[in-house]
Amino acid sequence: MKIVSRFVINNNSSLLFAKIEIKNILKRADKNYDYYTFAVMELGTNILKYAKCGEIWLLEEDGEYLLCALDKGEGIKDLKWALQKGNTTAENSLGLGLYQLAYNDYFDFLMFTLTETNIHGSVFMLKPKNLNNRQVFLKENYMGLSHSGDFIFFKGRYVIIGDVLGHGLKASKSVEFLKKFFYDNVFSCTTIDDLISRLHNILKSKALRGFAFSVIEIRNNKISVCGVGNIGIMYKKDKIKYLTQKEGILGEVYSRMSKYEIKAEKNLIFLAFSDGIDEKVLYNIFNKCSDIYLLNVCALYFSERIDDKVIFAYKEM
């Protein structure tokens, strides 16, 4: 999943601009834009009424487009009530906006709100009903730079997620080297130690940036994880568990890897994330949210750390 465009909504002009731009993007992609533009106006108006300022994001996954409205207002205390026809707290409103979005034939309408912590806000998502992948990731680069130090690669049943030190072009070049290294070498979570030791020495000899990482192997009956450094691992079946990897940075200081195995039970949700994602914020979101698309968006939006960010979510169906 990637962010195609994001728009700050703080007045009627910015809302109209977002509507026109999203319409043009979808038109170029040969997508029916009518419902999206209707949703932009409804969700954007909702932001202006209740939060005064927020954002609208257009995302893409597998050729389909998702629409999100995000704000850091006071949140909605009763989501079920807010979706009922005619219910509104705004003057001169018919209370039809969210109701019309929630009940349609083509999209799932997902909502998330934070009201009881020191972080407040709401996120609304329109997700095409045919999107129901087991694995989703989302990235955001440091300060809008085109080059990122956080990375995620996929190789067969493996997911490699990591965080290179620093930002910008040199970090990005290190990421490209790592991508080629992982694609060119055979490995598994049980035999990776020697490979990682060799990589550690190569990074030092080439003066490339050090990095923290996790290798995640997803099989039918288990998830195996190995890695070093500040890549967060959380998973939830009935309650949330947080795993800590060993300290270390490949290419600089290297301690032997932490290794975990997790039973892949039905409805298990597994997360891996870089230090750009605030784990305390994520914990609050994860406690309430079970849709991995919405969870990823909320984690990115409410984590205000100024850094590269990447989060990967897997759900056992």
C-alpha atoms as a PDB file:
ATOM      1  CA  MET A   1       0.000   0.000   0.000  1.00  0.00           C
ATOM      2  CA  LYS A   2       1.366   3.423  -0.857  1.00  0.00           C
ATOM      3  CA  ILE A   3       0.267   6.999  -0.308  1.00  0.00           C
ATOM      4  CA  VAL A   4      -0.504   8.514  -3.715  1.00  0.00           C
ATOM      5  CA  SER A   5      -1.351  11.999  -2.419  1.00  0.00           C
ATOM      6  CA  ARG A   6      -2.082  13.701   0.884  1.00  0.00           C
ATOM      7  CA  PHE A   7      -3.885  16.998   1.318  1.00  0.00           C
ATOM      8  CA  VAL A   8      -4.098  19.318   4.321  1.00  0.00           C
ATOM      9  CA  ILE A   9      -7.730  20.370   4.847  1.00  0.00           C
ATOM     10  CA  ASN A  10      -8.079  23.621   6.793  1.00  0.00           C
ATOM     11  CA  ASN A  11     -10.651  25.619   4.810  1.00  0.00           C
ATOM     12  CA  ASN A  12     -13.178  25.251   1.998  1.00  0.00           C
ATOM     13  CA  SER A  13     -10.626  26.174  -0.676  1.00  0.00           C
ATOM     14  CA  SER A  14      -8.228  23.407   0.397  1.00  0.00           C
ATOM     15  CA  LEU A  15     -11.120  20.932   0.376  1.00  0.00           C
ATOM     16  CA  LEU A  16     -12.150  21.927  -3.143  1.00  0.00           C
ATOM     17  CA  PHE A  17      -8.524  21.616  -4.308  1.00  0.00           C
ATOM     18  CA  ALA A  18      -8.311  18.082  -2.830  1.00  0.00           C
ATOM     19  CA  LYS A  19     -11.547  17.102  -4.582  1.00  0.00           C
ATOM     20  CA  ILE A  20     -10.303  18.309  -7.987  1.00  0.00           C
ATOM     21  CA  GLU A  21      -6.858  16.709  -7.623  1.00  0.00           C
ATOM     22  CA  ILE A  22      -8.261  13.347  -6.532  1.00  0.00           C
ATOM     23  CA  LYS A  23     -10.754  13.425  -9.380  1.00  0.00           C
ATOM     24  CA  ASN A  24      -7.915  14.040 -11.859  1.00  0.00           C
ATOM     25  CA  ILE A  25      -5.743  11.258 -10.412  1.00  0.00           C
ATOM     26  CA  LEU A  26      -8.567   8.734 -10.627  1.00  0.00           C
ATOM     27  CA  LYS A  27      -9.558   9.915 -14.095  1.00  0.00           C
ATOM     28  CA  ARG A  28      -5.999   9.310 -15.343  1.00  0.00           C
ATOM     29  CA  ALA A  29      -6.117   5.845 -13.741  1.00  0.00           C
ATOM     30  CA  ASP A  30      -9.385   5.169 -15.600  1.00  0.00           C
ATOM     31  CA  LYS A  31     -11.318   4.790 -12.345  1.00  0.00           C
ATOM     32  CA  ASN A  32     -14.875   5.864 -11.628  1.00  0.00           C
ATOM     33  CA  TYR A  33     -14.314   8.996  -9.541  1.00  0.00           C
ATOM     34  CA  ASP A  34     -17.907  10.038  -8.739  1.00  0.00           C
ATOM     35  CA  TYR A  35     -18.226   8.263  -5.401  1.00  0.00           C
ATOM     36  CA  TYR A  36     -14.711   9.263  -4.354  1.00  0.00           C
ATOM     37  CA  THR A  37     -15.351  12.957  -4.974  1.00  0.00           C
ATOM     38  CA  PHE A  38     -18.647  12.723  -3.083  1.00  0.00           C
ATOM     39  CA  ALA A  39     -16.783  11.063  -0.197  1.00  0.00           C
ATOM     40  CA  VAL A  40     -14.018  13.698  -0.250  1.00  0.00           C
ATOM     41  CA  MET A  41     -16.587  16.468   0.216  1.00  0.00           C
ATOM     42  CA  GLU A  42     -18.464  14.640   2.973  1.00  0.00           C
ATOM     43  CA  LEU A  43     -15.350  13.634   4.904  1.00  0.00           C
ATOM     44  CA  GLY A  44     -13.609  16.962   4.353  1.00  0.00           C
ATOM     45  CA  THR A  45     -16.682  18.876   5.550  1.00  0.00           C
ATOM     46  CA  ASN A  46     -16.731  16.644   8.608  1.00  0.00           C
ATOM     47  CA  ILE A  47     -13.076  17.576   9.325  1.00  0.00           C
ATOM     48  CA  LEU A  48     -13.827  21.304   9.057  1.00  0.00           C
ATOM     49  CA  LYS A  49     -16.934  21.071  11.260  1.00  0.00           C
ATOM     50  CA  TYR A  50     -15.468  19.049  14.097  1.00  0.00           C
ATOM     51  CA  ALA A  51     -11.673  19.312  14.011  1.00  0.00           C
ATOM     52  CA  LYS A  52     -11.059  22.559  12.057  1.00  0.00           C
ATOM     53  CA  CYS A  53      -8.030  20.977  10.386  1.00  0.00           C
ATOM     54  CA  GLY A  54      -7.002  17.531   9.168  1.00  0.00           C
ATOM     55  CA  GLU A  55      -5.831  15.616   6.124  1.00  0.00           C
ATOM     56  CA  ILE A  56      -7.229  13.570   3.268  1.00  0.00           C
ATOM     57  CA  TRP A  57      -5.086  10.749   1.866  1.00  0.00           C
ATOM     58  CA  LEU A  58      -5.496   8.827  -1.363  1.00  0.00           C
ATOM     59  CA  LEU A  59      -3.781   5.417  -1.200  1.00  0.00           C
ATOM     60  CA  GLU A  60      -3.278   2.656  -3.737  1.00  0.00           C
ATOM     61  CA  GLU A  61      -3.054  -1.106  -3.256  1.00  0.00           C
ATOM     62  CA  ASP A  62      -3.151  -3.725  -6.035  1.00  0.00           C
ATOM     63  CA  GLY A  63      -4.487  -1.168  -8.511  1.00  0.00           C
ATOM     64  CA  GLU A  64      -7.367  -0.181  -6.191  1.00  0.00           C
ATOM     65  CA  TYR A  65      -7.697   3.164  -4.411  1.00  0.00           C
ATOM     66  CA  LEU A  66      -8.464   3.813  -0.757  1.00  0.00           C
ATOM     67  CA  LEU A  67      -9.578   7.149   0.655  1.00  0.00           C
ATOM     68  CA  CYS A  68      -8.835   8.314   4.197  1.00  0.00           C
ATOM     69  CA  ALA A  69      -9.862  11.368   6.198  1.00  0.00           C
ATOM     70  CA  LEU A  70      -7.693  11.992   9.259  1.00  0.00           C
ATOM     71  CA  ASP A  71      -7.818  14.557  12.045  1.00  0.00           C
ATOM     72  CA  LYS A  72      -6.440  15.192  15.510  1.00  0.00           C
ATOM     73  CA  GLY A  73      -9.607  16.639  16.977  1.00  0.00           C
ATOM     74  CA  GLU A  74     -11.353  15.411  20.102  1.00  0.00           C
ATOM     75  CA  GLY A  75     -12.431  12.104  18.570  1.00  0.00           C
ATOM     76  CA  ILE A  76     -15.904  10.525  18.464  1.00  0.00           C
ATOM     77  CA  LYS A  77     -17.082   9.079  21.749  1.00  0.00           C
ATOM     78  CA  ASP A  78     -19.770   6.839  20.220  1.00  0.00           C
ATOM     79  CA  LEU A  79     -18.978   5.631  16.710  1.00  0.00           C
ATOM     80  CA  LYS A  80     -22.111   3.478  16.484  1.00  0.00           C
ATOM     81  CA  TRP A  81     -24.314   6.485  17.259  1.00  0.00           C
ATOM     82  CA  ALA A  82     -22.461   8.671  14.733  1.00  0.00           C
ATOM     83  CA  LEU A  83     -23.311   6.251  11.905  1.00  0.00           C
ATOM     84  CA  GLN A  84     -27.051   6.231  12.538  1.00  0.00           C
ATOM     85  CA  LYS A  85     -29.211   8.167  10.108  1.00  0.00           C
ATOM     86  CA  GLY A  86     -30.027  11.675  11.311  1.00  0.00           C
ATOM     87  CA  ASN A  87     -27.554  11.752  14.199  1.00  0.00           C
ATOM     88  CA  THR A  88     -25.316  14.817  14.269  1.00  0.00           C
ATOM     89  CA  THR A  89     -23.865  17.295  16.739  1.00  0.00           C
ATOM     90  CA  ALA A  90     -23.558  20.070  14.147  1.00  0.00           C
ATOM     91  CA  GLU A  91     -26.146  22.788  13.687  1.00  0.00           C
ATOM     92  CA  ASN A  92     -28.138  22.867  10.435  1.00  0.00           C
ATOM     93  CA  SER A  93     -27.039  19.360   9.455  1.00  0.00           C
ATOM     94  CA  LEU A  94     -29.251  16.488   8.339  1.00  0.00           C
ATOM     95  CA  GLY A  95     -26.858  13.898   9.764  1.00  0.00           C
ATOM     96  CA  LEU A  96     -26.630  11.995   6.494  1.00  0.00           C
ATOM     97  CA  GLY A  97     -22.911  12.285   5.568  1.00  0.00           C
ATOM     98  CA  LEU A  98     -21.319   9.410   7.491  1.00  0.00           C
ATOM     99  CA  TYR A  99     -24.515   7.359   7.230  1.00  0.00           C
ATOM    100  CA  GLN A 100     -24.422   7.482   3.406  1.00  0.00           C
ATOM    101  CA  LEU A 101     -20.750   6.506   3.343  1.00  0.00           C
ATOM    102  CA  ALA A 102     -21.218   3.657   5.814  1.00  0.00           C
ATOM    103  CA  TYR A 103     -23.984   1.941   3.860  1.00  0.00           C
ATOM    104  CA  ASN A 104     -22.946   1.381   0.247  1.00  0.00           C
ATOM    105  CA  ASP A 105     -22.396  -1.599  -2.034  1.00  0.00           C
ATOM    106  CA  TYR A 106     -18.786  -1.054  -3.107  1.00  0.00           C
ATOM    107  CA  PHE A 107     -16.708   0.034  -0.112  1.00  0.00           C
ATOM    108  CA  ASP A 108     -16.088  -0.957   3.459  1.00  0.00           C
ATOM    109  CA  PHE A 109     -16.332   2.149   5.620  1.00  0.00           C
ATOM    110  CA  LEU A 110     -13.893   1.855   8.523  1.00  0.00           C
ATOM    111  CA  MET A 111     -13.558   4.228  11.457  1.00  0.00           C
ATOM    112  CA  PHE A 112     -11.078   4.646  14.259  1.00  0.00           C
ATOM    113  CA  THR A 113     -11.043   7.174  17.067  1.00  0.00           C
ATOM    114  CA  LEU A 114      -8.842   8.016  20.072  1.00  0.00           C
ATOM    115  CA  THR A 115     -10.516   9.906  22.922  1.00  0.00           C
ATOM    116  CA  GLU A 116      -9.112   8.734  26.234  1.00  0.00           C
ATOM    117  CA  THR A 117      -5.347   9.214  25.817  1.00  0.00           C
ATOM    118  CA  ASN A 118      -3.225  12.332  25.423  1.00  0.00           C
ATOM    119  CA  ILE A 119      -3.482  11.734  21.674  1.00  0.00           C
ATOM    120  CA  HIS A 120      -6.884  12.487  20.167  1.00  0.00           C
ATOM    121  CA  GLY A 121      -8.311  12.127  16.714  1.00  0.00           C
ATOM    122  CA  SER A 122     -10.313  10.169  14.177  1.00  0.00           C
ATOM    123  CA  VAL A 123      -9.577   8.305  10.964  1.00  0.00           C
ATOM    124  CA  PHE A 124     -12.195   7.329   8.383  1.00  0.00           C
ATOM    125  CA  MET A 125     -11.338   4.942   5.555  1.00  0.00           C
ATOM    126  CA  LEU A 126     -13.157   3.884   2.400  1.00  0.00           C
ATOM    127  CA  LYS A 127     -11.685   0.560   1.282  1.00  0.00           C
ATOM    128  CA  PRO A 128     -12.899  -1.332  -1.814  1.00  0.00           C
ATOM    129  CA  LYS A 129     -14.670  -4.501  -0.711  1.00  0.00           C
ATOM    130  CA  ASN A 130     -12.461  -6.713  -2.909  1.00  0.00           C
ATOM    131  CA  LEU A 131      -9.314  -5.645  -1.009  1.00  0.00           C
ATOM    132  CA  ASN A 132      -8.640  -8.195   1.688  1.00  0.00           C
ATOM    133  CA  ASN A 133      -4.933  -9.029   1.578  1.00  0.00           C
ATOM    134  CA  ARG A 134      -3.186 -10.884   4.387  1.00  0.00           C
ATOM    135  CA  GLN A 135      -0.082  -8.671   4.193  1.00  0.00           C
ATOM    136  CA  VAL A 136       0.000  -4.879   4.064  1.00  0.00           C
ATOM    137  CA  PHE A 137       2.783  -2.359   4.562  1.00  0.00           C
ATOM    138  CA  LEU A 138       3.004   1.418   4.530  1.00  0.00           C
ATOM    139  CA  LYS A 139       6.027   3.748   4.350  1.00  0.00           C
ATOM    140  CA  GLU A 140       6.711   7.428   4.825  1.00  0.00           C
ATOM    141  CA  ASN A 141      10.026   9.137   4.124  1.00  0.00           C
ATOM    142  CA  TYR A 142      11.774  11.527   6.493  1.00  0.00           C
ATOM    143  CA  MET A 143      10.651  15.147   5.964  1.00  0.00           C
ATOM    144  CA  GLY A 144       9.238  14.282   2.538  1.00  0.00           C
ATOM    145  CA  LEU A 145      12.655  13.352   1.078  1.00  0.00           C
ATOM    146  CA  SER A 146      12.657  11.188  -2.047  1.00  0.00           C
ATOM    147  CA  HIS A 147      15.272   8.901  -0.427  1.00  0.00           C
ATOM    148  CA  SER A 148      14.446   6.716   2.567  1.00  0.00           C
ATOM    149  CA  GLY A 149      16.548   4.877   5.131  1.00  0.00           C
ATOM    150  CA  ASP A 150      13.712   2.508   6.089  1.00  0.00           C
ATOM    151  CA  PHE A 151      13.038  -0.445   3.843  1.00  0.00           C
ATOM    152  CA  ILE A 152      10.896  -3.500   3.304  1.00  0.00           C
ATOM    153  CA  PHE A 153      11.664  -6.262   0.777  1.00  0.00           C
ATOM    154  CA  PHE A 154       9.695  -9.381  -0.127  1.00  0.00           C
ATOM    155  CA  LYS A 155      11.380 -12.591  -1.247  1.00  0.00           C
ATOM    156  CA  GLY A 156       9.109 -15.615  -1.532  1.00  0.00           C
ATOM    157  CA  ARG A 157       7.769 -16.367   1.942  1.00  0.00           C
ATOM    158  CA  TYR A 158      10.213 -13.910   3.551  1.00  0.00           C
ATOM    159  CA  VAL A 159       9.732 -10.277   4.532  1.00  0.00           C
ATOM    160  CA  ILE A 160      12.863  -8.237   5.320  1.00  0.00           C
ATOM    161  CA  ILE A 161      12.169  -4.996   7.161  1.00  0.00           C
ATOM    162  CA  GLY A 162      14.858  -2.632   8.407  1.00  0.00           C
ATOM    163  CA  ASP A 163      16.110   0.815   9.289  1.00  0.00           C
ATOM    164  CA  VAL A 164      19.390   2.195   7.915  1.00  0.00           C
ATOM    165  CA  LEU A 165      21.093   4.862  10.032  1.00  0.00           C
ATOM    166  CA  GLY A 166      20.432   8.408   8.861  1.00  0.00           C
ATOM    167  CA  HIS A 167      18.484   9.756   5.914  1.00  0.00           C
ATOM    168  CA  GLY A 168      18.981  10.931   2.365  1.00  0.00           C
ATOM    169  CA  LEU A 169      21.029   9.671  -0.571  1.00  0.00           C
ATOM    170  CA  LYS A 170      23.727   7.708   1.306  1.00  0.00           C
ATOM    171  CA  ALA A 171      21.095   5.894   3.372  1.00  0.00           C
ATOM    172  CA  SER A 172      19.181   5.137   0.188  1.00  0.00           C
ATOM    173  CA  LYS A 173      22.311   3.743  -1.528  1.00  0.00           C
ATOM    174  CA  SER A 174      22.871   1.477   1.473  1.00  0.00           C
ATOM    175  CA  VAL A 175      19.273   0.261   1.134  1.00  0.00           C
ATOM    176  CA  GLU A 176      19.843  -0.583  -2.543  1.00  0.00           C
ATOM    177  CA  PHE A 177      22.937  -2.611  -1.630  1.00  0.00           C
ATOM    178  CA  LEU A 178      21.024  -4.492   1.085  1.00  0.00           C
ATOM    179  CA  LYS A 179      18.155  -5.251  -1.279  1.00  0.00           C
ATOM    180  CA  LYS A 180      20.528  -6.816  -3.821  1.00  0.00           C
ATOM    181  CA  PHE A 181      22.353  -8.724  -1.082  1.00  0.00           C
ATOM    182  CA  PHE A 182      19.171 -10.314   0.256  1.00  0.00           C
ATOM    183  CA  TYR A 183      17.848 -11.111  -3.220  1.00  0.00           C
ATOM    184  CA  ASP A 184      21.155 -12.692  -4.314  1.00  0.00           C
ATOM    185  CA  ASN A 185      21.646 -14.943  -1.271  1.00  0.00           C
ATOM    186  CA  VAL A 186      19.798 -18.022  -0.067  1.00  0.00           C
ATOM    187  CA  PHE A 187      18.828 -17.906   3.601  1.00  0.00           C
ATOM    188  CA  SER A 188      16.317 -19.000   6.215  1.00  0.00           C
ATOM    189  CA  CYS A 189      15.655 -17.969   9.795  1.00  0.00           C
ATOM    190  CA  THR A 190      17.457 -21.106  11.016  1.00  0.00           C
ATOM    191  CA  THR A 191      20.619 -20.686   8.906  1.00  0.00           C
ATOM    192  CA  ILE A 192      20.974 -16.919   8.664  1.00  0.00           C
ATOM    193  CA  ASP A 193      23.677 -16.306  11.308  1.00  0.00           C
ATOM    194  CA  ASP A 194      26.672 -16.854   9.018  1.00  0.00           C
ATOM    195  CA  LEU A 195      25.098 -14.791   6.251  1.00  0.00           C
ATOM    196  CA  ILE A 196      24.484 -11.855   8.596  1.00  0.00           C
ATOM    197  CA  SER A 197      28.018 -12.080  10.010  1.00  0.00           C
ATOM    198  CA  ARG A 198      29.366 -11.850   6.443  1.00  0.00           C
ATOM    199  CA  LEU A 199      27.083  -8.917   5.670  1.00  0.00           C
ATOM    200  CA  HIS A 200      28.307  -7.137   8.801  1.00  0.00           C
ATOM    201  CA  ASN A 201      31.901  -7.333   7.566  1.00  0.00           C
ATOM    202  CA  ILE A 202      30.978  -6.232   4.035  1.00  0.00           C
ATOM    203  CA  LEU A 203      29.179  -3.138   5.352  1.00  0.00           C
ATOM    204  CA  LYS A 204      32.244  -2.135   7.378  1.00  0.00           C
ATOM    205  CA  SER A 205      34.632  -2.672   4.454  1.00  0.00           C
ATOM    206  CA  LYS A 206      32.460  -0.660   2.053  1.00  0.00           C
ATOM    207  CA  ALA A 207      31.793   2.129   4.604  1.00  0.00           C
ATOM    208  CA  LEU A 208      28.067   1.780   4.037  1.00  0.00           C
ATOM    209  CA  ARG A 209      25.535   2.805   6.669  1.00  0.00           C
ATOM    210  CA  GLY A 210      24.773   0.398   9.488  1.00  0.00           C
ATOM    211  CA  PHE A 211      21.230  -0.896   9.931  1.00  0.00           C
ATOM    212  CA  ALA A 212      18.801  -2.711  12.201  1.00  0.00           C
ATOM    213  CA  PHE A 213      16.567  -5.366  10.673  1.00  0.00           C
ATOM    214  CA  SER A 214      14.140  -8.273  11.015  1.00  0.00           C
ATOM    215  CA  VAL A 215      13.716 -11.232   8.701  1.00  0.00           C
ATOM    216  CA  ILE A 216      10.181 -12.619   8.927  1.00  0.00           C
ATOM    217  CA  GLU A 217       9.365 -16.062   7.526  1.00  0.00           C
ATOM    218  CA  ILE A 218       5.643 -16.719   7.104  1.00  0.00           C
ATOM    219  CA  ARG A 219       4.502 -20.329   6.802  1.00  0.00           C
ATOM    220  CA  ASN A 220       1.061 -21.935   7.107  1.00  0.00           C
ATOM    221  CA  ASN A 221       1.490 -22.876  10.758  1.00  0.00           C
ATOM    222  CA  LYS A 222       4.038 -20.421  12.156  1.00  0.00           C
ATOM    223  CA  ILE A 223       5.801 -17.096  11.811  1.00  0.00           C
ATOM    224  CA  SER A 224       9.552 -17.137  12.431  1.00  0.00           C
ATOM    225  CA  VAL A 225      11.383 -13.896  13.211  1.00  0.00           C
ATOM    226  CA  CYS A 226      15.089 -13.173  13.568  1.00  0.00           C
ATOM    227  CA  GLY A 227      16.919  -9.885  13.713  1.00  0.00           C
ATOM    228  CA  VAL A 228      18.981  -7.315  15.541  1.00  0.00           C
ATOM    229  CA  GLY A 229      18.207  -3.781  16.672  1.00  0.00           C
ATOM    230  CA  ASN A 230      15.292  -1.425  16.995  1.00  0.00           C
ATOM    231  CA  ILE A 231      12.679  -3.063  14.770  1.00  0.00           C
ATOM    232  CA  GLY A 232       9.555  -3.421  16.893  1.00  0.00           C
ATOM    233  CA  ILE A 233       7.571  -6.668  16.885  1.00  0.00           C
ATOM    234  CA  MET A 234       4.008  -6.885  18.246  1.00  0.00           C
ATOM    235  CA  TYR A 235       1.377  -9.535  17.768  1.00  0.00           C
ATOM    236  CA  LYS A 236      -2.135 -10.154  19.034  1.00  0.00           C
ATOM    237  CA  LYS A 237      -4.460 -13.114  19.268  1.00  0.00           C
ATOM    238  CA  ASP A 238      -6.340 -12.448  22.498  1.00  0.00           C
ATOM    239  CA  LYS A 239      -3.936  -9.930  23.992  1.00  0.00           C
ATOM    240  CA  ILE A 240      -1.018  -7.884  22.700  1.00  0.00           C
ATOM    241  CA  LYS A 241       2.520  -9.204  23.110  1.00  0.00           C
ATOM    242  CA  TYR A 242       5.621  -7.126  22.442  1.00  0.00           C
ATOM    243  CA  LEU A 243       8.949  -8.776  21.541  1.00  0.00           C
ATOM    244  CA  THR A 244      12.312  -7.057  21.960  1.00  0.00           C
ATOM    245  CA  GLN A 245      15.195  -7.765  19.609  1.00  0.00           C
ATOM    246  CA  LYS A 246      18.814  -7.766  20.771  1.00  0.00           C
ATOM    247  CA  GLU A 247      20.653  -4.455  20.635  1.00  0.00           C
ATOM    248  CA  GLY A 248      23.041  -3.966  17.775  1.00  0.00           C
ATOM    249  CA  ILE A 249      23.569  -2.366  14.387  1.00  0.00           C
ATOM    250  CA  LEU A 250      24.998  -4.363  11.509  1.00  0.00           C
ATOM    251  CA  GLY A 251      28.082  -2.673  10.073  1.00  0.00           C
ATOM    252  CA  GLU A 252      28.926  -1.031  13.409  1.00  0.00           C
ATOM    253  CA  VAL A 253      28.080  -2.995  16.575  1.00  0.00           C
ATOM    254  CA  TYR A 254      26.714  -6.496  16.083  1.00  0.00           C
ATOM    255  CA  SER A 255      25.340  -8.843  18.720  1.00  0.00           C
ATOM    256  CA  ARG A 256      23.874 -12.220  17.864  1.00  0.00           C
ATOM    257  CA  MET A 257      20.279 -12.234  16.702  1.00  0.00           C
ATOM    258  CA  SER A 258      17.079 -12.654  18.647  1.00  0.00           C
ATOM    259  CA  LYS A 259      14.910 -15.450  17.255  1.00  0.00           C
ATOM    260  CA  TYR A 260      11.202 -16.043  17.826  1.00  0.00           C
ATOM    261  CA  GLU A 261       8.533 -18.418  16.609  1.00  0.00           C
ATOM    262  CA  ILE A 262       4.854 -17.518  16.766  1.00  0.00           C
ATOM    263  CA  LYS A 263       1.999 -19.913  16.084  1.00  0.00           C
ATOM    264  CA  ALA A 264      -0.012 -18.676  13.103  1.00  0.00           C
ATOM    265  CA  GLU A 265      -3.506 -19.104  14.548  1.00  0.00           C
ATOM    266  CA  LYS A 266      -6.716 -17.809  13.015  1.00  0.00           C
ATOM    267  CA  ASN A 267      -7.193 -14.029  13.490  1.00  0.00           C
ATOM    268  CA  LEU A 268      -3.607 -13.541  14.654  1.00  0.00           C
ATOM    269  CA  ILE A 269      -2.343 -10.066  13.728  1.00  0.00           C
ATOM    270  CA  PHE A 270       1.420  -9.602  13.510  1.00  0.00           C
ATOM    271  CA  LEU A 271       3.198  -6.227  13.236  1.00  0.00           C
ATOM    272  CA  ALA A 272       6.802  -5.224  12.519  1.00  0.00           C
ATOM    273  CA  PHE A 273       7.768  -1.542  12.513  1.00  0.00           C
ATOM    274  CA  SER A 274      10.704   0.850  12.522  1.00  0.00           C
ATOM    275  CA  ASP A 275      11.513   3.346  15.266  1.00  0.00           C
ATOM    276  CA  GLY A 276       9.701   6.084  13.345  1.00  0.00           C
ATOM    277  CA  ILE A 277       6.496   4.455  14.621  1.00  0.00           C
ATOM    278  CA  ASP A 278       5.765   5.361  18.251  1.00  0.00           C
ATOM    279  CA  GLU A 279       5.220   2.004  20.003  1.00  0.00           C
ATOM    280  CA  LYS A 280       3.085   3.527  22.788  1.00  0.00           C
ATOM    281  CA  VAL A 281       0.784   5.131  20.252  1.00  0.00           C
ATOM    282  CA  LEU A 282       0.716   1.926  18.216  1.00  0.00           C
ATOM    283  CA  TYR A 283      -0.176  -0.107  21.299  1.00  0.00           C
ATOM    284  CA  ASN A 284      -3.272   2.078  21.895  1.00  0.00           C
ATOM    285  CA  ILE A 285      -4.295   1.759  18.247  1.00  0.00           C
ATOM    286  CA  PHE A 286      -3.620  -1.989  18.089  1.00  0.00           C
ATOM    287  CA  ASN A 287      -5.738  -2.507  21.194  1.00  0.00           C
ATOM    288  CA  LYS A 288      -8.809  -1.163  19.355  1.00  0.00           C
ATOM    289  CA  CYS A 289      -8.252  -1.899  15.688  1.00  0.00           C
ATOM    290  CA  SER A 290      -8.300  -5.236  13.845  1.00  0.00           C
ATOM    291  CA  ASP A 291      -8.289  -4.146  10.190  1.00  0.00           C
ATOM    292  CA  ILE A 292      -4.661  -4.144   9.035  1.00  0.00           C
ATOM    293  CA  TYR A 293      -5.207  -1.420   6.404  1.00  0.00           C
ATOM    294  CA  LEU A 294      -6.705   0.987   8.916  1.00  0.00           C
ATOM    295  CA  LEU A 295      -4.165  -0.016  11.546  1.00  0.00           C
ATOM    296  CA  ASN A 296      -1.220   0.869   9.276  1.00  0.00           C
ATOM    297  CA  VAL A 297      -2.665   4.257   8.352  1.00  0.00           C
ATOM    298  CA  CYS A 298      -3.427   5.149  11.982  1.00  0.00           C
ATOM    299  CA  ALA A 299       0.050   4.076  13.118  1.00  0.00           C
ATOM    300  CA  LEU A 300       1.683   6.323  10.534  1.00  0.00           C
ATOM    301  CA  TYR A 301      -0.603   9.306  11.133  1.00  0.00           C
ATOM    302  CA  PHE A 302      -0.567   9.384  14.930  1.00  0.00           C
ATOM    303  CA  SER A 303       3.187   8.674  15.261  1.00  0.00           C
ATOM    304  CA  GLU A 304       4.662  12.156  15.210  1.00  0.00           C
ATOM    305  CA  ARG A 305       8.340  11.180  15.375  1.00  0.00           C
ATOM    306  CA  ILE A 306      10.275  12.993  12.649  1.00  0.00           C
ATOM    307  CA  ASP A 307      11.970  10.030  10.995  1.00  0.00           C
ATOM    308  CA  ASP A 308      11.590   7.520   8.196  1.00  0.00           C
ATOM    309  CA  LYS A 309       8.680   5.217   8.989  1.00  0.00           C
ATOM    310  CA  VAL A 310       7.685   1.754   7.833  1.00  0.00           C
ATOM    311  CA  ILE A 311       5.106  -0.646   9.262  1.00  0.00           C
ATOM    312  CA  PHE A 312       4.220  -4.150   8.097  1.00  0.00           C
ATOM    313  CA  ALA A 313       1.060  -6.004   9.150  1.00  0.00           C
ATOM    314  CA  TYR A 314       0.074  -9.616   8.593  1.00  0.00           C
ATOM    315  CA  LYS A 315      -3.260 -11.194   9.488  1.00  0.00           C
ATOM    316  CA  GLU A 316      -3.893 -14.927   9.617  1.00  0.00           C
ATOM    317  CA  MET A 317      -7.327 -15.476   8.057  1.00  0.00           C
END
